[in-house]
């Protein structure tokens, strides 16, 4: 039974869930713990690493993309106690997100000769642009990624992200636990898991791109003495799709409080 969903996004990045709605949505899902892990942004409304809102335990988290050289990875920081260095880096990333978003929007509008109903802003991601493309053209949301703004597509623009060791240290200095997110989402899962030698944890349970009966994550947990974590990676209001049972959450909790 999932009691802790430790990977959820809000409207502060590319999710549809608001912080005010979070307790009710979690209650409907039967979840008693949720980690807010917005992309490259901390949540200013959370005033501690772990807080309570209307009976729901809320973990202040962050999902930070980093450059590991051979590929880009997503790191999850749990139990954020903000540092000046992390705040500064998040502000730099958000500035780059706005400029990158502007470049992608301009490219799509010129390429398709349309006007998109979206503006550059902090927290803007390609999902927002894909939704705008679907609203303004005959492309579907997924079609926008497949044909226009996905990697190697004509309107794709890469964004600037911190190098792995720098990003890991920024999170380690501010968070109680640093994890590799969704290891099977990367081009080279083996190389991604090898980076766990420098991390505290790894997502063991999540709802997609997971080979059946594949033992590589369990092997990495044993090899590097990692804390297993997990969550739905919710960008909508469907919590509890994946996550931790009580025993697994207790282990994470003990590491971050």
C-alpha atoms as a PDB file:
ATOM      1  CA  UNK A   1       0.000   0.000   0.000  1.00  0.00           C
ATOM      2  CA  UNK A   2       1.395   3.401  -1.005  1.00  0.00           C
ATOM      3  CA  UNK A   3       1.474   5.791   1.948  1.00  0.00           C
ATOM      4  CA  UNK A   4       4.196   8.159   0.662  1.00  0.00           C
ATOM      5  CA  UNK A   5       4.371   9.617  -2.851  1.00  0.00           C
ATOM      6  CA  UNK A   6       7.768  11.283  -2.986  1.00  0.00           C
ATOM      7  CA  UNK A   7       7.728  12.717  -6.506  1.00  0.00           C
ATOM      8  CA  UNK A   8       5.051  15.284  -7.341  1.00  0.00           C
ATOM      9  CA  UNK A   9       5.007  18.543  -9.283  1.00  0.00           C
ATOM     10  CA  UNK A  10       2.875  21.624  -8.747  1.00  0.00           C
ATOM     11  CA  UNK A  11       1.982  24.699 -10.741  1.00  0.00           C
ATOM     12  CA  UNK A  12       5.311  26.165  -9.591  1.00  0.00           C
ATOM     13  CA  UNK A  13       6.919  24.110 -12.364  1.00  0.00           C
ATOM     14  CA  UNK A  14       5.023  21.982 -14.900  1.00  0.00           C
ATOM     15  CA  UNK A  15       2.338  20.384 -12.763  1.00  0.00           C
ATOM     16  CA  UNK A  16      -1.377  21.170 -12.521  1.00  0.00           C
ATOM     17  CA  UNK A  17      -1.613  20.576  -8.764  1.00  0.00           C
ATOM     18  CA  UNK A  18      -1.721  23.583  -6.452  1.00  0.00           C
ATOM     19  CA  UNK A  19      -0.241  23.534  -2.981  1.00  0.00           C
ATOM     20  CA  UNK A  20      -3.618  24.535  -1.496  1.00  0.00           C
ATOM     21  CA  UNK A  21      -5.327  21.564  -3.153  1.00  0.00           C
ATOM     22  CA  UNK A  22      -2.613  19.107  -2.152  1.00  0.00           C
ATOM     23  CA  UNK A  23      -4.068  17.829   1.172  1.00  0.00           C
ATOM     24  CA  UNK A  24      -7.470  17.028  -0.330  1.00  0.00           C
ATOM     25  CA  UNK A  25      -5.987  15.360  -3.416  1.00  0.00           C
ATOM     26  CA  UNK A  26      -3.658  13.283  -1.230  1.00  0.00           C
ATOM     27  CA  UNK A  27      -6.526  12.275   1.042  1.00  0.00           C
ATOM     28  CA  UNK A  28      -8.579  11.135  -1.943  1.00  0.00           C
ATOM     29  CA  UNK A  29      -5.628   8.987  -3.033  1.00  0.00           C
ATOM     30  CA  UNK A  30      -5.138   7.525   0.454  1.00  0.00           C
ATOM     31  CA  UNK A  31      -1.663   9.038   0.669  1.00  0.00           C
ATOM     32  CA  UNK A  32      -0.401  10.500   3.941  1.00  0.00           C
ATOM     33  CA  UNK A  33       2.990  11.825   2.775  1.00  0.00           C
ATOM     34  CA  UNK A  34       3.830  13.795  -0.393  1.00  0.00           C
ATOM     35  CA  UNK A  35       7.146  15.268  -1.528  1.00  0.00           C
ATOM     36  CA  UNK A  36       6.883  18.397  -3.658  1.00  0.00           C
ATOM     37  CA  UNK A  37       9.718  18.102  -6.185  1.00  0.00           C
ATOM     38  CA  UNK A  38       9.268  20.909  -8.674  1.00  0.00           C
ATOM     39  CA  UNK A  39      11.773  21.199 -11.485  1.00  0.00           C
ATOM     40  CA  UNK A  40      14.733  23.412 -10.571  1.00  0.00           C
ATOM     41  CA  UNK A  41      12.626  25.411  -8.090  1.00  0.00           C
ATOM     42  CA  UNK A  42      12.170  25.398  -4.361  1.00  0.00           C
ATOM     43  CA  UNK A  43       8.757  25.993  -2.810  1.00  0.00           C
ATOM     44  CA  UNK A  44       8.764  29.251  -0.794  1.00  0.00           C
ATOM     45  CA  UNK A  45       5.457  28.397   0.890  1.00  0.00           C
ATOM     46  CA  UNK A  46       7.055  25.451   2.702  1.00  0.00           C
ATOM     47  CA  UNK A  47       8.897  26.772   5.744  1.00  0.00           C
ATOM     48  CA  UNK A  48      10.828  23.644   6.675  1.00  0.00           C
ATOM     49  CA  UNK A  49      12.294  20.399   5.302  1.00  0.00           C
ATOM     50  CA  UNK A  50       9.206  18.465   6.458  1.00  0.00           C
ATOM     51  CA  UNK A  51       5.946  20.216   7.388  1.00  0.00           C
ATOM     52  CA  UNK A  52       2.294  19.390   7.946  1.00  0.00           C
ATOM     53  CA  UNK A  53      -0.652  20.875   6.026  1.00  0.00           C
ATOM     54  CA  UNK A  54      -4.170  19.872   7.043  1.00  0.00           C
ATOM     55  CA  UNK A  55      -2.904  16.568   8.412  1.00  0.00           C
ATOM     56  CA  UNK A  56      -0.734  15.770   5.372  1.00  0.00           C
ATOM     57  CA  UNK A  57       3.018  15.360   5.825  1.00  0.00           C
ATOM     58  CA  UNK A  58       4.708  17.441   3.124  1.00  0.00           C
ATOM     59  CA  UNK A  59       8.369  16.929   2.267  1.00  0.00           C
ATOM     60  CA  UNK A  60      10.055  19.969   0.741  1.00  0.00           C
ATOM     61  CA  UNK A  61      11.911  18.600  -2.251  1.00  0.00           C
ATOM     62  CA  UNK A  62      13.348  19.596  -5.602  1.00  0.00           C
ATOM     63  CA  UNK A  63      14.146  17.891  -8.910  1.00  0.00           C
ATOM     64  CA  UNK A  64      17.365  19.220 -10.393  1.00  0.00           C
ATOM     65  CA  UNK A  65      18.633  18.323 -13.862  1.00  0.00           C
ATOM     66  CA  UNK A  66      22.394  17.913 -14.102  1.00  0.00           C
ATOM     67  CA  UNK A  67      24.926  17.175 -16.822  1.00  0.00           C
ATOM     68  CA  UNK A  68      26.817  13.927 -16.211  1.00  0.00           C
ATOM     69  CA  UNK A  69      28.909  14.367 -19.355  1.00  0.00           C
ATOM     70  CA  UNK A  70      27.586  11.413 -21.339  1.00  0.00           C
ATOM     71  CA  UNK A  71      23.943  12.228 -20.558  1.00  0.00           C
ATOM     72  CA  UNK A  72      21.736  14.461 -18.453  1.00  0.00           C
ATOM     73  CA  UNK A  73      20.254  13.100 -15.241  1.00  0.00           C
ATOM     74  CA  UNK A  74      17.562  14.200 -12.799  1.00  0.00           C
ATOM     75  CA  UNK A  75      18.446  14.343  -9.117  1.00  0.00           C
ATOM     76  CA  UNK A  76      15.852  14.499  -6.353  1.00  0.00           C
ATOM     77  CA  UNK A  77      16.655  16.390  -3.174  1.00  0.00           C
ATOM     78  CA  UNK A  78      14.472  15.560  -0.163  1.00  0.00           C
ATOM     79  CA  UNK A  79      14.119  17.676   2.970  1.00  0.00           C
ATOM     80  CA  UNK A  80      15.216  21.027   1.559  1.00  0.00           C
ATOM     81  CA  UNK A  81      16.645  23.517   4.051  1.00  0.00           C
ATOM     82  CA  UNK A  82      17.439  26.322   1.628  1.00  0.00           C
ATOM     83  CA  UNK A  83      20.944  27.636   1.171  1.00  0.00           C
ATOM     84  CA  UNK A  84      21.996  30.822  -0.596  1.00  0.00           C
ATOM     85  CA  UNK A  85      23.916  28.754  -3.135  1.00  0.00           C
ATOM     86  CA  UNK A  86      20.884  26.665  -4.072  1.00  0.00           C
ATOM     87  CA  UNK A  87      18.634  29.723  -4.295  1.00  0.00           C
ATOM     88  CA  UNK A  88      21.141  31.474  -6.555  1.00  0.00           C
ATOM     89  CA  UNK A  89      21.474  28.456  -8.829  1.00  0.00           C
ATOM     90  CA  UNK A  90      17.697  28.043  -9.088  1.00  0.00           C
ATOM     91  CA  UNK A  91      17.370  31.714 -10.045  1.00  0.00           C
ATOM     92  CA  UNK A  92      20.046  31.284 -12.734  1.00  0.00           C
ATOM     93  CA  UNK A  93      18.309  28.212 -14.095  1.00  0.00           C
ATOM     94  CA  UNK A  94      14.941  29.960 -14.172  1.00  0.00           C
ATOM     95  CA  UNK A  95      16.426  32.864 -16.124  1.00  0.00           C
ATOM     96  CA  UNK A  96      17.800  30.362 -18.624  1.00  0.00           C
ATOM     97  CA  UNK A  97      14.426  28.573 -18.728  1.00  0.00           C
ATOM     98  CA  UNK A  98      12.701  31.831 -19.681  1.00  0.00           C
ATOM     99  CA  UNK A  99      15.221  32.577 -22.425  1.00  0.00           C
ATOM    100  CA  UNK A 100      15.155  29.018 -23.700  1.00  0.00           C
ATOM    101  CA  UNK A 101      11.355  29.054 -23.655  1.00  0.00           C
ATOM    102  CA  UNK A 102      11.357  32.301 -25.611  1.00  0.00           C
ATOM    103  CA  UNK A 103      13.671  30.774 -28.226  1.00  0.00           C
ATOM    104  CA  UNK A 104      11.514  27.638 -28.598  1.00  0.00           C
ATOM    105  CA  UNK A 105       8.286  29.656 -28.829  1.00  0.00           C
ATOM    106  CA  UNK A 106       9.796  31.987 -31.441  1.00  0.00           C
ATOM    107  CA  UNK A 107      11.043  29.014 -33.454  1.00  0.00           C
ATOM    108  CA  UNK A 108       7.697  27.185 -33.372  1.00  0.00           C
ATOM    109  CA  UNK A 109       5.783  30.334 -34.300  1.00  0.00           C
ATOM    110  CA  UNK A 110       8.085  31.020 -37.246  1.00  0.00           C
ATOM    111  CA  UNK A 111       8.198  27.364 -38.312  1.00  0.00           C
ATOM    112  CA  UNK A 112       4.410  26.932 -38.270  1.00  0.00           C
ATOM    113  CA  UNK A 113       3.470  30.568 -38.911  1.00  0.00           C
ATOM    114  CA  UNK A 114       1.162  30.640 -35.888  1.00  0.00           C
ATOM    115  CA  UNK A 115       0.878  32.574 -32.657  1.00  0.00           C
ATOM    116  CA  UNK A 116       1.078  30.393 -29.545  1.00  0.00           C
ATOM    117  CA  UNK A 117      -0.970  31.182 -26.411  1.00  0.00           C
ATOM    118  CA  UNK A 118       2.029  31.005 -24.073  1.00  0.00           C
ATOM    119  CA  UNK A 119       4.610  33.505 -22.814  1.00  0.00           C
ATOM    120  CA  UNK A 120       8.137  33.038 -21.440  1.00  0.00           C
ATOM    121  CA  UNK A 121       8.133  32.945 -17.628  1.00  0.00           C
ATOM    122  CA  UNK A 122       9.849  31.371 -14.645  1.00  0.00           C
ATOM    123  CA  UNK A 123       9.038  27.681 -14.403  1.00  0.00           C
ATOM    124  CA  UNK A 124       8.187  27.408 -18.104  1.00  0.00           C
ATOM    125  CA  UNK A 125       8.887  23.986 -19.534  1.00  0.00           C
ATOM    126  CA  UNK A 126       8.382  22.224 -22.828  1.00  0.00           C
ATOM    127  CA  UNK A 127       5.131  20.620 -21.576  1.00  0.00           C
ATOM    128  CA  UNK A 128       3.620  24.107 -21.369  1.00  0.00           C
ATOM    129  CA  UNK A 129       4.740  24.847 -24.920  1.00  0.00           C
ATOM    130  CA  UNK A 130       3.478  21.471 -26.185  1.00  0.00           C
ATOM    131  CA  UNK A 131       0.071  22.226 -24.666  1.00  0.00           C
ATOM    132  CA  UNK A 132       0.040  25.614 -26.399  1.00  0.00           C
ATOM    133  CA  UNK A 133       0.958  23.982 -29.708  1.00  0.00           C
ATOM    134  CA  UNK A 134      -1.902  21.486 -29.296  1.00  0.00           C
ATOM    135  CA  UNK A 135      -4.296  24.352 -28.555  1.00  0.00           C
ATOM    136  CA  UNK A 136      -3.260  26.474 -31.528  1.00  0.00           C
ATOM    137  CA  UNK A 137      -2.572  23.887 -34.236  1.00  0.00           C
ATOM    138  CA  UNK A 138      -3.524  20.423 -35.479  1.00  0.00           C
ATOM    139  CA  UNK A 139      -0.588  18.860 -33.624  1.00  0.00           C
ATOM    140  CA  UNK A 140      -1.353  16.763 -30.573  1.00  0.00           C
ATOM    141  CA  UNK A 141       0.532  17.310 -27.319  1.00  0.00           C
ATOM    142  CA  UNK A 142       2.741  14.292 -28.028  1.00  0.00           C
ATOM    143  CA  UNK A 143       3.041  15.253 -31.673  1.00  0.00           C
ATOM    144  CA  UNK A 144       4.515  18.598 -30.627  1.00  0.00           C
ATOM    145  CA  UNK A 145       7.293  16.726 -28.842  1.00  0.00           C
ATOM    146  CA  UNK A 146       7.740  14.131 -31.587  1.00  0.00           C
ATOM    147  CA  UNK A 147       7.912  16.565 -34.500  1.00  0.00           C
ATOM    148  CA  UNK A 148       8.759  20.025 -33.154  1.00  0.00           C
ATOM    149  CA  UNK A 149      10.333  20.464 -29.725  1.00  0.00           C
ATOM    150  CA  UNK A 150      11.753  17.077 -28.770  1.00  0.00           C
ATOM    151  CA  UNK A 151      15.490  16.443 -28.855  1.00  0.00           C
ATOM    152  CA  UNK A 152      16.850  16.621 -32.430  1.00  0.00           C
ATOM    153  CA  UNK A 153      13.616  18.257 -33.642  1.00  0.00           C
ATOM    154  CA  UNK A 154      13.700  21.537 -35.601  1.00  0.00           C
ATOM    155  CA  UNK A 155      12.602  23.768 -32.693  1.00  0.00           C
ATOM    156  CA  UNK A 156      14.461  22.056 -29.867  1.00  0.00           C
ATOM    157  CA  UNK A 157      16.736  24.293 -27.809  1.00  0.00           C
ATOM    158  CA  UNK A 158      18.879  22.750 -25.037  1.00  0.00           C
ATOM    159  CA  UNK A 159      18.995  24.471 -21.686  1.00  0.00           C
ATOM    160  CA  UNK A 160      21.935  25.130 -19.424  1.00  0.00           C
ATOM    161  CA  UNK A 161      22.171  22.820 -16.412  1.00  0.00           C
ATOM    162  CA  UNK A 162      24.804  22.420 -13.678  1.00  0.00           C
ATOM    163  CA  UNK A 163      27.496  19.783 -13.951  1.00  0.00           C
ATOM    164  CA  UNK A 164      26.766  16.599 -11.982  1.00  0.00           C
ATOM    165  CA  UNK A 165      29.204  17.111  -9.124  1.00  0.00           C
ATOM    166  CA  UNK A 166      28.227  20.743  -8.669  1.00  0.00           C
ATOM    167  CA  UNK A 167      24.523  19.949  -8.709  1.00  0.00           C
ATOM    168  CA  UNK A 168      24.985  17.021  -6.342  1.00  0.00           C
ATOM    169  CA  UNK A 169      26.901  19.213  -3.874  1.00  0.00           C
ATOM    170  CA  UNK A 170      24.289  21.982  -4.050  1.00  0.00           C
ATOM    171  CA  UNK A 171      21.625  19.445  -3.112  1.00  0.00           C
ATOM    172  CA  UNK A 172      23.742  17.638  -0.524  1.00  0.00           C
ATOM    173  CA  UNK A 173      24.409  20.926   1.276  1.00  0.00           C
ATOM    174  CA  UNK A 174      20.687  21.785   1.373  1.00  0.00           C
ATOM    175  CA  UNK A 175      18.897  18.425   1.599  1.00  0.00           C
ATOM    176  CA  UNK A 176      18.829  15.444   3.886  1.00  0.00           C
ATOM    177  CA  UNK A 177      18.808  12.935   1.040  1.00  0.00           C
ATOM    178  CA  UNK A 178      19.862  13.101  -2.624  1.00  0.00           C
ATOM    179  CA  UNK A 179      18.518  10.492  -5.045  1.00  0.00           C
ATOM    180  CA  UNK A 180      18.761   9.532  -8.692  1.00  0.00           C
ATOM    181  CA  UNK A 181      15.331   9.861 -10.275  1.00  0.00           C
ATOM    182  CA  UNK A 182      13.746   7.227 -12.583  1.00  0.00           C
ATOM    183  CA  UNK A 183      16.916   5.323 -13.623  1.00  0.00           C
ATOM    184  CA  UNK A 184      15.311   3.591 -16.608  1.00  0.00           C
ATOM    185  CA  UNK A 185      14.399   6.863 -18.301  1.00  0.00           C
ATOM    186  CA  UNK A 186      17.994   7.501 -19.384  1.00  0.00           C
ATOM    187  CA  UNK A 187      19.684   6.391 -22.557  1.00  0.00           C
ATOM    188  CA  UNK A 188      22.376   4.569 -20.551  1.00  0.00           C
ATOM    189  CA  UNK A 189      20.839   3.170 -17.371  1.00  0.00           C
ATOM    190  CA  UNK A 190      24.072   1.474 -16.317  1.00  0.00           C
ATOM    191  CA  UNK A 191      26.017   4.742 -16.435  1.00  0.00           C
ATOM    192  CA  UNK A 192      23.222   6.532 -14.577  1.00  0.00           C
ATOM    193  CA  UNK A 193      23.194   3.918 -11.817  1.00  0.00           C
ATOM    194  CA  UNK A 194      26.981   4.109 -11.534  1.00  0.00           C
ATOM    195  CA  UNK A 195      26.547   7.754 -10.497  1.00  0.00           C
ATOM    196  CA  UNK A 196      24.726   6.460  -7.423  1.00  0.00           C
ATOM    197  CA  UNK A 197      28.158   5.837  -5.910  1.00  0.00           C
ATOM    198  CA  UNK A 198      28.062   9.552  -5.043  1.00  0.00           C
ATOM    199  CA  UNK A 199      24.389   9.683  -4.004  1.00  0.00           C
ATOM    200  CA  UNK A 200      22.303   8.654  -1.015  1.00  0.00           C
ATOM    201  CA  UNK A 201      19.281   7.102  -2.681  1.00  0.00           C
ATOM    202  CA  UNK A 202      17.629   5.959  -5.894  1.00  0.00           C
ATOM    203  CA  UNK A 203      14.032   5.823  -7.125  1.00  0.00           C
ATOM    204  CA  UNK A 204      13.081   2.198  -6.827  1.00  0.00           C
ATOM    205  CA  UNK A 205       9.324   2.562  -7.396  1.00  0.00           C
ATOM    206  CA  UNK A 206       7.826   4.696 -10.155  1.00  0.00           C
ATOM    207  CA  UNK A 207       5.133   4.024 -12.746  1.00  0.00           C
ATOM    208  CA  UNK A 208       6.781   3.952 -16.175  1.00  0.00           C
ATOM    209  CA  UNK A 209       9.700   2.777 -18.314  1.00  0.00           C
ATOM    210  CA  UNK A 210      10.541  -0.060 -15.953  1.00  0.00           C
ATOM    211  CA  UNK A 211      11.725  -3.389 -17.372  1.00  0.00           C
ATOM    212  CA  UNK A 212       9.925  -6.355 -15.843  1.00  0.00           C
ATOM    213  CA  UNK A 213      11.955  -8.275 -13.233  1.00  0.00           C
ATOM    214  CA  UNK A 214      15.079  -6.235 -13.930  1.00  0.00           C
ATOM    215  CA  UNK A 215      17.496  -6.444 -10.981  1.00  0.00           C
ATOM    216  CA  UNK A 216      19.817  -3.554 -11.801  1.00  0.00           C
ATOM    217  CA  UNK A 217      18.307  -1.051  -9.371  1.00  0.00           C
ATOM    218  CA  UNK A 218      18.288  -3.594  -6.539  1.00  0.00           C
ATOM    219  CA  UNK A 219      21.918  -4.389  -7.337  1.00  0.00           C
ATOM    220  CA  UNK A 220      22.811  -0.695  -7.164  1.00  0.00           C
ATOM    221  CA  UNK A 221      20.974  -0.356  -3.844  1.00  0.00           C
ATOM    222  CA  UNK A 222      23.047  -3.216  -2.424  1.00  0.00           C
ATOM    223  CA  UNK A 223      26.319  -2.071  -3.996  1.00  0.00           C
ATOM    224  CA  UNK A 224      26.142   1.562  -2.876  1.00  0.00           C
ATOM    225  CA  UNK A 225      24.034   1.119   0.292  1.00  0.00           C
ATOM    226  CA  UNK A 226      21.276   3.337  -1.105  1.00  0.00           C
ATOM    227  CA  UNK A 227      17.964   4.304   0.428  1.00  0.00           C
ATOM    228  CA  UNK A 228      15.179   3.203  -1.958  1.00  0.00           C
ATOM    229  CA  UNK A 229      12.583   5.858  -2.680  1.00  0.00           C
ATOM    230  CA  UNK A 230       9.837   6.433  -5.214  1.00  0.00           C
ATOM    231  CA  UNK A 231       6.755   8.262  -6.362  1.00  0.00           C
ATOM    232  CA  UNK A 232       4.282   8.902  -9.133  1.00  0.00           C
ATOM    233  CA  UNK A 233       6.196  11.736 -10.842  1.00  0.00           C
ATOM    234  CA  UNK A 234       2.762  13.336 -10.858  1.00  0.00           C
ATOM    235  CA  UNK A 235       2.268  16.299 -13.168  1.00  0.00           C
ATOM    236  CA  UNK A 236      -1.494  16.130 -12.687  1.00  0.00           C
ATOM    237  CA  UNK A 237      -3.675  15.393  -9.660  1.00  0.00           C
ATOM    238  CA  UNK A 238      -3.199  11.619  -9.636  1.00  0.00           C
ATOM    239  CA  UNK A 239      -1.176  10.870  -6.518  1.00  0.00           C
ATOM    240  CA  UNK A 240      -0.370   7.450  -5.098  1.00  0.00           C
ATOM    241  CA  UNK A 241       0.095   5.783  -8.469  1.00  0.00           C
ATOM    242  CA  UNK A 242       3.480   4.680  -7.163  1.00  0.00           C
ATOM    243  CA  UNK A 243       5.495   5.295  -4.035  1.00  0.00           C
ATOM    244  CA  UNK A 244       6.545   3.883  -0.684  1.00  0.00           C
ATOM    245  CA  UNK A 245       4.902   1.655   1.860  1.00  0.00           C
ATOM    246  CA  UNK A 246       5.121   2.536   5.548  1.00  0.00           C
ATOM    247  CA  UNK A 247       8.420   0.777   6.205  1.00  0.00           C
ATOM    248  CA  UNK A 248      10.145   2.327   3.189  1.00  0.00           C
ATOM    249  CA  UNK A 249       8.840   5.805   4.109  1.00  0.00           C
ATOM    250  CA  UNK A 250      10.111   5.399   7.686  1.00  0.00           C
ATOM    251  CA  UNK A 251      13.590   4.773   6.324  1.00  0.00           C
ATOM    252  CA  UNK A 252      13.461   7.884   4.151  1.00  0.00           C
ATOM    253  CA  UNK A 253      11.993   9.944   6.992  1.00  0.00           C
ATOM    254  CA  UNK A 254      14.809   8.909   9.324  1.00  0.00           C
ATOM    255  CA  UNK A 255      17.344  10.076   6.730  1.00  0.00           C
ATOM    256  CA  UNK A 256      15.883  13.547   6.271  1.00  0.00           C
ATOM    257  CA  UNK A 257      14.701  14.607   9.730  1.00  0.00           C
END
